Amino acid sequence: MAASGIAVGLNKGHIVTRRVLKAKPSNKIGAASKRATFVRSIVREVSGYAPYERRVMELIKNSRDKRAKKLCKAKLGSFVRAKKKIDELSGVIAQARRH
């Protein structure tokens, strides 16, 4: 909500223009570089998938998504990580079907 210039109410306060700040280097933390992405893809190609990942892929193929998410959560520790892993493995399955 923008300030109205009035001293009372929901939008109370002096009207000011927002400063445009340049991006901080700390905002880049966690973003994968091209090199890191490439190295991870090579490692994945050489080593393959972990046993739990293969099991999760089977569960997804058999449309048992809830069971797959539960297994992933147990192995990875958080539901957000589990959802991310499910999305990644679903993409792998979809790509395998296209080929």
Protein backbone atom coordinates (compact mmCIF):
# COMPACT_ATOMS: atom_id res chain seq x y z
CA MET A 1 0.00 0.00 0.00
CA ALA A 2 1.23 3.47 -0.83
CA ALA A 3 1.28 6.20 1.77
CA SER A 4 -1.46 8.78 1.43
CA GLY A 5 0.23 11.72 3.13
CA ILE A 6 -2.45 11.75 5.84
CA ALA A 7 -1.43 11.25 9.48
CA VAL A 8 -4.08 8.61 10.28
CA GLY A 9 -5.62 5.54 8.67
CA LEU A 10 -4.33 2.41 6.97
CA ASN A 11 -2.21 4.30 4.42
CA LYS A 12 -0.91 6.93 6.85
CA GLY A 13 2.54 8.39 6.41
CA HIS A 14 4.69 10.81 4.49
CA ILE A 15 4.81 10.21 0.73
CA VAL A 16 8.31 9.25 -0.46
CA THR A 17 9.76 7.77 -3.63
CA ARG A 18 11.37 4.33 -3.28
CA ARG A 19 15.12 4.20 -3.84
CA VAL A 20 16.27 1.79 -6.54
CA LEU A 21 19.11 -0.21 -5.04
CA LYS A 22 21.56 -2.22 -7.12
CA ALA A 23 21.65 -5.98 -6.57
CA LYS A 24 23.86 -7.18 -3.73
CA PRO A 25 26.37 -9.99 -4.32
CA SER A 26 24.75 -11.90 -1.44
CA ASN A 27 21.62 -12.31 -3.58
CA LYS A 28 23.58 -14.67 -5.85
CA ILE A 29 24.32 -17.17 -3.08
CA GLY A 30 22.88 -20.58 -3.91
CA ALA A 31 22.65 -20.00 -7.67
CA ALA A 32 24.41 -22.80 -9.56
CA SER A 33 27.16 -21.79 -11.95
CA LYS A 34 27.42 -23.27 -15.43
CA ARG A 35 30.50 -25.25 -14.39
CA ALA A 36 28.85 -26.71 -11.27
CA THR A 37 25.76 -27.68 -13.29
CA PHE A 38 27.96 -29.36 -15.91
CA VAL A 39 29.99 -31.27 -13.32
CA ARG A 40 26.83 -32.48 -11.55
CA SER A 41 25.39 -33.70 -14.86
CA ILE A 42 28.58 -35.68 -15.58
CA VAL A 43 28.55 -37.20 -12.08
CA ARG A 44 24.87 -38.15 -12.51
CA GLU A 45 25.63 -39.73 -15.89
CA VAL A 46 28.52 -41.79 -14.50
CA SER A 47 27.12 -42.82 -11.11
CA GLY A 48 23.41 -43.10 -11.96
CA TYR A 49 20.63 -42.85 -9.39
CA ALA A 50 20.62 -43.83 -5.72
CA PRO A 51 18.52 -46.88 -4.78
CA TYR A 52 15.89 -44.72 -3.08
CA GLU A 53 15.68 -42.53 -6.21
CA ARG A 54 15.06 -45.60 -8.40
CA ARG A 55 12.34 -46.72 -5.98
CA VAL A 56 10.74 -43.26 -6.05
CA MET A 57 10.75 -43.31 -9.86
CA GLU A 58 8.94 -46.67 -9.80
CA LEU A 59 6.36 -45.26 -7.39
CA ILE A 60 5.81 -42.23 -9.64
CA LYS A 61 5.42 -44.48 -12.71
CA ASN A 62 2.79 -46.51 -10.85
CA SER A 63 1.01 -43.22 -9.93
CA ARG A 64 1.59 -43.59 -6.18
CA ASP A 65 2.67 -39.99 -5.72
CA LYS A 66 1.76 -39.69 -2.05
CA ARG A 67 3.84 -42.75 -1.15
CA ALA A 68 6.72 -41.37 -3.25
CA LYS A 69 6.60 -38.03 -1.39
CA LYS A 70 6.55 -39.80 1.96
CA LEU A 71 9.59 -41.90 1.02
CA CYS A 72 11.45 -38.82 -0.23
CA LYS A 73 10.64 -36.89 2.93
CA ALA A 74 11.95 -39.74 5.07
CA LYS A 75 15.20 -39.87 3.09
CA LEU A 76 15.81 -36.13 2.60
CA GLY A 77 14.48 -34.68 5.85
CA SER A 78 12.10 -31.96 4.71
CA PHE A 79 8.95 -31.82 2.63
CA VAL A 80 10.26 -28.95 0.48
CA ARG A 81 13.35 -31.00 -0.47
CA ALA A 82 11.09 -34.00 -1.13
CA LYS A 83 8.86 -32.01 -3.51
CA LYS A 84 11.91 -30.69 -5.35
CA LYS A 85 13.31 -34.22 -5.74
CA ILE A 86 9.91 -35.54 -6.95
CA ASP A 87 9.80 -32.78 -9.59
CA GLU A 88 13.35 -33.61 -10.69
CA LEU A 89 12.65 -37.34 -10.99
CA SER A 90 9.31 -36.73 -12.73
CA GLY A 91 11.22 -34.70 -15.32
CA VAL A 92 13.67 -37.58 -15.77
CA ILE A 93 10.79 -40.02 -16.35
CA ALA A 94 9.11 -37.65 -18.83
CA GLN A 95 12.39 -37.21 -20.71
CA ALA A 96 12.89 -41.00 -20.87
CA ARG A 97 9.37 -41.42 -22.32
CA ARG A 98 10.12 -38.83 -25.03
CA HIS A 99 13.20 -40.75 -26.22
